Amino acid sequence: MRALVQRVSTANVSVNGNVVGQISRGLLVFVGIRYNDTRVQAEKLAHKVIALRVFPDETGKMNHSVADVVGDLLIVSQFTLYGDTRKGNRPSYSEAADPKLAEDLYEHFISVCRRSQLSVATGTFQAHMQVQLTNDGPVTLICYAET
């Protein structure tokens, strides 16, 4: 399981021209789920994202987490994070989870994040979405759940 995490000043996600999730200062989290991922990995990744120290302290050093700054989370499912481009020009998605497993783990990831008492917005699973963001920094990281 992996997440592409971006520190943002604002972000929103739309489906069919309608905003379904939006945040102000916080983290935009694209979540990719692999075919053999588990609920334990979803929990570990959620805790890692929430504890990730990417917000500046009073000296400007990235030393605070989204929880420390009481920021928001916008969580968007993104199976393409498991696209393999090593061979040819068309990505292979054989490592990505099937939609049923992916949706279960995506929802579990969201529920763990919501337990943190942070404001959590989401995209719509398996929908064609448009994401708008203002990346703050820019700060963009890939996070993994250890097995």
C-alpha atoms as a PDB file:
ATOM      1  CA  MET A   1       0.000   0.000   0.000  1.00  0.00           C
ATOM      2  CA  ARG A   2       1.313   3.421  -0.850  1.00  0.00           C
ATOM      3  CA  ALA A   3       0.290   7.039  -0.708  1.00  0.00           C
ATOM      4  CA  LEU A   4       1.432  10.065  -2.640  1.00  0.00           C
ATOM      5  CA  VAL A   5       1.168  12.897  -0.106  1.00  0.00           C
ATOM      6  CA  GLN A   6       1.213  16.590  -0.965  1.00  0.00           C
ATOM      7  CA  ARG A   7       1.233  19.446   1.524  1.00  0.00           C
ATOM      8  CA  VAL A   8      -1.372  21.910   0.290  1.00  0.00           C
ATOM      9  CA  SER A   9      -2.811  25.281   1.161  1.00  0.00           C
ATOM     10  CA  THR A  10      -6.048  24.297  -0.596  1.00  0.00           C
ATOM     11  CA  ALA A  11      -7.321  21.303  -2.557  1.00  0.00           C
ATOM     12  CA  ASN A  12     -10.580  19.986  -3.904  1.00  0.00           C
ATOM     13  CA  VAL A  13     -11.862  17.052  -5.903  1.00  0.00           C
ATOM     14  CA  SER A  14     -14.815  17.149  -8.299  1.00  0.00           C
ATOM     15  CA  VAL A  15     -16.951  14.510 -10.001  1.00  0.00           C
ATOM     16  CA  ASN A  16     -19.066  15.552 -12.985  1.00  0.00           C
ATOM     17  CA  GLY A  17     -18.384  19.211 -12.215  1.00  0.00           C
ATOM     18  CA  ASN A  18     -19.549  18.941  -8.590  1.00  0.00           C
ATOM     19  CA  VAL A  19     -17.081  19.377  -5.722  1.00  0.00           C
ATOM     20  CA  VAL A  20     -17.303  16.250  -3.554  1.00  0.00           C
ATOM     21  CA  GLY A  21     -14.432  17.050  -1.193  1.00  0.00           C
ATOM     22  CA  GLN A  22     -12.355  20.091  -0.329  1.00  0.00           C
ATOM     23  CA  ILE A  23      -9.868  21.200   2.281  1.00  0.00           C
ATOM     24  CA  SER A  24      -7.818  24.180   3.259  1.00  0.00           C
ATOM     25  CA  ARG A  25      -4.346  23.785   4.818  1.00  0.00           C
ATOM     26  CA  GLY A  26      -3.423  20.152   5.123  1.00  0.00           C
ATOM     27  CA  LEU A  27      -2.513  17.075   3.119  1.00  0.00           C
ATOM     28  CA  LEU A  28      -3.826  15.782  -0.179  1.00  0.00           C
ATOM     29  CA  VAL A  29      -3.381  12.004   0.001  1.00  0.00           C
ATOM     30  CA  PHE A  30      -3.602   9.816  -3.103  1.00  0.00           C
ATOM     31  CA  VAL A  31      -3.946   6.193  -1.947  1.00  0.00           C
ATOM     32  CA  GLY A  32      -2.896   3.210  -4.051  1.00  0.00           C
ATOM     33  CA  ILE A  33      -3.736  -0.329  -2.994  1.00  0.00           C
ATOM     34  CA  ARG A  34      -1.850  -3.424  -4.093  1.00  0.00           C
ATOM     35  CA  TYR A  35      -3.485  -6.809  -4.749  1.00  0.00           C
ATOM     36  CA  ASN A  36      -2.165  -8.360  -1.504  1.00  0.00           C
ATOM     37  CA  ASP A  37      -2.549  -5.409   0.889  1.00  0.00           C
ATOM     38  CA  THR A  38      -4.313  -5.830   4.227  1.00  0.00           C
ATOM     39  CA  ARG A  39      -6.282  -3.801   6.745  1.00  0.00           C
ATOM     40  CA  VAL A  40      -3.199  -3.762   8.991  1.00  0.00           C
ATOM     41  CA  GLN A  41      -1.235  -2.039   6.228  1.00  0.00           C
ATOM     42  CA  ALA A  42      -4.071   0.463   5.743  1.00  0.00           C
ATOM     43  CA  GLU A  43      -3.909   1.304   9.446  1.00  0.00           C
ATOM     44  CA  LYS A  44      -0.115   1.646   9.439  1.00  0.00           C
ATOM     45  CA  LEU A  45      -0.199   3.886   6.380  1.00  0.00           C
ATOM     46  CA  ALA A  46      -2.945   6.077   7.853  1.00  0.00           C
ATOM     47  CA  HIS A  47      -0.955   6.533  11.074  1.00  0.00           C
ATOM     48  CA  LYS A  48       2.195   7.299   9.090  1.00  0.00           C
ATOM     49  CA  VAL A  49       0.430   9.964   7.007  1.00  0.00           C
ATOM     50  CA  ILE A  50      -1.079  11.602  10.078  1.00  0.00           C
ATOM     51  CA  ALA A  51       2.308  11.618  11.878  1.00  0.00           C
ATOM     52  CA  LEU A  52       4.370  12.695   8.851  1.00  0.00           C
ATOM     53  CA  ARG A  53       6.330  15.795   9.865  1.00  0.00           C
ATOM     54  CA  VAL A  54       6.068  18.061   6.814  1.00  0.00           C
ATOM     55  CA  PHE A  55       4.783  21.317   8.303  1.00  0.00           C
ATOM     56  CA  PRO A  56       7.251  23.969   9.437  1.00  0.00           C
ATOM     57  CA  ASP A  57       7.976  24.826  13.047  1.00  0.00           C
ATOM     58  CA  GLU A  58       8.809  28.365  14.217  1.00  0.00           C
ATOM     59  CA  THR A  59      12.300  28.085  12.693  1.00  0.00           C
ATOM     60  CA  GLY A  60      10.993  26.924   9.307  1.00  0.00           C
ATOM     61  CA  LYS A  61      12.152  23.324   9.756  1.00  0.00           C
ATOM     62  CA  MET A  62       9.630  20.649   8.711  1.00  0.00           C
ATOM     63  CA  ASN A  63       8.959  19.370  12.190  1.00  0.00           C
ATOM     64  CA  HIS A  64       5.152  19.316  12.648  1.00  0.00           C
ATOM     65  CA  SER A  65       2.555  16.807  11.479  1.00  0.00           C
ATOM     66  CA  VAL A  66      -0.873  17.549  10.064  1.00  0.00           C
ATOM     67  CA  ALA A  67      -2.233  16.599  13.503  1.00  0.00           C
ATOM     68  CA  ASP A  68       0.115  19.097  15.195  1.00  0.00           C
ATOM     69  CA  VAL A  69      -1.111  21.955  13.000  1.00  0.00           C
ATOM     70  CA  VAL A  70      -4.746  20.720  13.086  1.00  0.00           C
ATOM     71  CA  GLY A  71      -4.781  20.562   9.309  1.00  0.00           C
ATOM     72  CA  ASP A  72      -7.201  18.798   6.994  1.00  0.00           C
ATOM     73  CA  LEU A  73      -6.942  15.623   4.930  1.00  0.00           C
ATOM     74  CA  LEU A  74      -8.299  15.103   1.414  1.00  0.00           C
ATOM     75  CA  ILE A  75      -8.081  11.398   0.551  1.00  0.00           C
ATOM     76  CA  VAL A  76      -8.403  10.253  -3.058  1.00  0.00           C
ATOM     77  CA  SER A  77      -8.181   6.666  -4.335  1.00  0.00           C
ATOM     78  CA  GLN A  78      -5.645   6.243  -7.127  1.00  0.00           C
ATOM     79  CA  PHE A  79      -5.020   2.772  -8.519  1.00  0.00           C
ATOM     80  CA  THR A  80      -2.519   4.232 -11.003  1.00  0.00           C
ATOM     81  CA  LEU A  81       0.019   4.474  -8.158  1.00  0.00           C
ATOM     82  CA  TYR A  82       0.583   0.793  -8.928  1.00  0.00           C
ATOM     83  CA  GLY A  83       1.079   1.361 -12.643  1.00  0.00           C
ATOM     84  CA  ASP A  84       4.254  -0.338 -13.837  1.00  0.00           C
ATOM     85  CA  THR A  85       6.011   1.518 -16.666  1.00  0.00           C
ATOM     86  CA  ARG A  86       9.211  -0.531 -16.812  1.00  0.00           C
ATOM     87  CA  LYS A  87       8.221  -2.288 -20.065  1.00  0.00           C
ATOM     88  CA  GLY A  88       6.785  -0.424 -23.019  1.00  0.00           C
ATOM     89  CA  ASN A  89       4.764   2.753 -22.974  1.00  0.00           C
ATOM     90  CA  ARG A  90       1.438   1.462 -21.716  1.00  0.00           C
ATOM     91  CA  PRO A  91       1.405   1.012 -17.914  1.00  0.00           C
ATOM     92  CA  SER A  92       0.562  -2.407 -16.522  1.00  0.00           C
ATOM     93  CA  TYR A  93      -1.766  -2.455 -13.522  1.00  0.00           C
ATOM     94  CA  SER A  94      -1.293  -6.108 -12.557  1.00  0.00           C
ATOM     95  CA  GLU A  95      -0.050  -5.068  -9.083  1.00  0.00           C
ATOM     96  CA  ALA A  96      -3.176  -3.001  -8.332  1.00  0.00           C
ATOM     97  CA  ALA A  97      -5.892  -4.528  -6.161  1.00  0.00           C
ATOM     98  CA  ASP A  98      -9.218  -5.580  -7.622  1.00  0.00           C
ATOM     99  CA  PRO A  99     -11.929  -2.953  -7.008  1.00  0.00           C
ATOM    100  CA  LYS A 100     -13.696  -4.839  -4.189  1.00  0.00           C
ATOM    101  CA  LEU A 101     -10.548  -5.223  -2.072  1.00  0.00           C
ATOM    102  CA  ALA A 102      -9.349  -1.743  -2.970  1.00  0.00           C
ATOM    103  CA  GLU A 103     -12.611  -0.119  -1.923  1.00  0.00           C
ATOM    104  CA  ASP A 104     -12.657  -1.980   1.398  1.00  0.00           C
ATOM    105  CA  LEU A 105      -9.084  -0.936   2.228  1.00  0.00           C
ATOM    106  CA  TYR A 106      -9.638   2.630   0.972  1.00  0.00           C
ATOM    107  CA  GLU A 107     -12.684   2.969   3.261  1.00  0.00           C
ATOM    108  CA  HIS A 108     -10.747   1.446   6.156  1.00  0.00           C
ATOM    109  CA  PHE A 109      -7.890   3.914   5.585  1.00  0.00           C
ATOM    110  CA  ILE A 110     -10.430   6.766   5.680  1.00  0.00           C
ATOM    111  CA  SER A 111     -12.039   5.482   8.884  1.00  0.00           C
ATOM    112  CA  VAL A 112      -8.654   5.277  10.630  1.00  0.00           C
ATOM    113  CA  CYS A 113      -7.879   8.848   9.549  1.00  0.00           C
ATOM    114  CA  ARG A 114     -11.268  10.050  10.804  1.00  0.00           C
ATOM    115  CA  ARG A 115     -10.509   8.608  14.247  1.00  0.00           C
ATOM    116  CA  SER A 116      -7.687  11.164  14.485  1.00  0.00           C
ATOM    117  CA  GLN A 117     -10.287  13.930  14.939  1.00  0.00           C
ATOM    118  CA  LEU A 118      -8.927  15.754  11.866  1.00  0.00           C
ATOM    119  CA  SER A 119     -11.282  17.059   9.230  1.00  0.00           C
ATOM    120  CA  VAL A 120     -11.297  14.431   6.463  1.00  0.00           C
ATOM    121  CA  ALA A 121     -12.727  14.927   2.973  1.00  0.00           C
ATOM    122  CA  THR A 122     -12.656  12.319   0.216  1.00  0.00           C
ATOM    123  CA  GLY A 123     -13.030  11.710  -3.454  1.00  0.00           C
ATOM    124  CA  THR A 124     -15.449   9.159  -4.901  1.00  0.00           C
ATOM    125  CA  PHE A 125     -14.117   5.639  -5.303  1.00  0.00           C
ATOM    126  CA  GLN A 126     -13.815   4.512  -8.958  1.00  0.00           C
ATOM    127  CA  ALA A 127     -15.129   7.835 -10.276  1.00  0.00           C
ATOM    128  CA  HIS A 128     -13.441   9.954 -12.916  1.00  0.00           C
ATOM    129  CA  MET A 129     -12.275  12.863 -10.759  1.00  0.00           C
ATOM    130  CA  GLN A 130     -10.706  16.253 -11.286  1.00  0.00           C
ATOM    131  CA  VAL A 131      -8.330  17.352  -8.536  1.00  0.00           C
ATOM    132  CA  GLN A 132      -7.281  20.955  -8.019  1.00  0.00           C
ATOM    133  CA  LEU A 133      -4.623  21.883  -5.520  1.00  0.00           C
ATOM    134  CA  THR A 134      -2.171  24.501  -4.430  1.00  0.00           C
ATOM    135  CA  ASN A 135       0.922  22.563  -3.424  1.00  0.00           C
ATOM    136  CA  ASP A 136       2.582  24.343  -0.509  1.00  0.00           C
ATOM    137  CA  GLY A 137       6.368  24.237  -0.755  1.00  0.00           C
ATOM    138  CA  PRO A 138       6.132  22.288  -2.975  1.00  0.00           C
ATOM    139  CA  VAL A 139       6.172  19.276  -0.699  1.00  0.00           C
ATOM    140  CA  THR A 140       5.375  15.881  -2.246  1.00  0.00           C
ATOM    141  CA  LEU A 141       6.320  12.498  -0.753  1.00  0.00           C
ATOM    142  CA  ILE A 142       5.618   8.836  -1.384  1.00  0.00           C
ATOM    143  CA  CYS A 143       4.779   6.880   1.782  1.00  0.00           C
ATOM    144  CA  TYR A 144       4.659   3.102   2.116  1.00  0.00           C
ATOM    145  CA  ALA A 145       3.029   0.776   4.607  1.00  0.00           C
ATOM    146  CA  GLU A 146       5.529  -1.755   5.897  1.00  0.00           C
ATOM    147  CA  THR A 147       4.378  -5.350   5.759  1.00  0.00           C
END
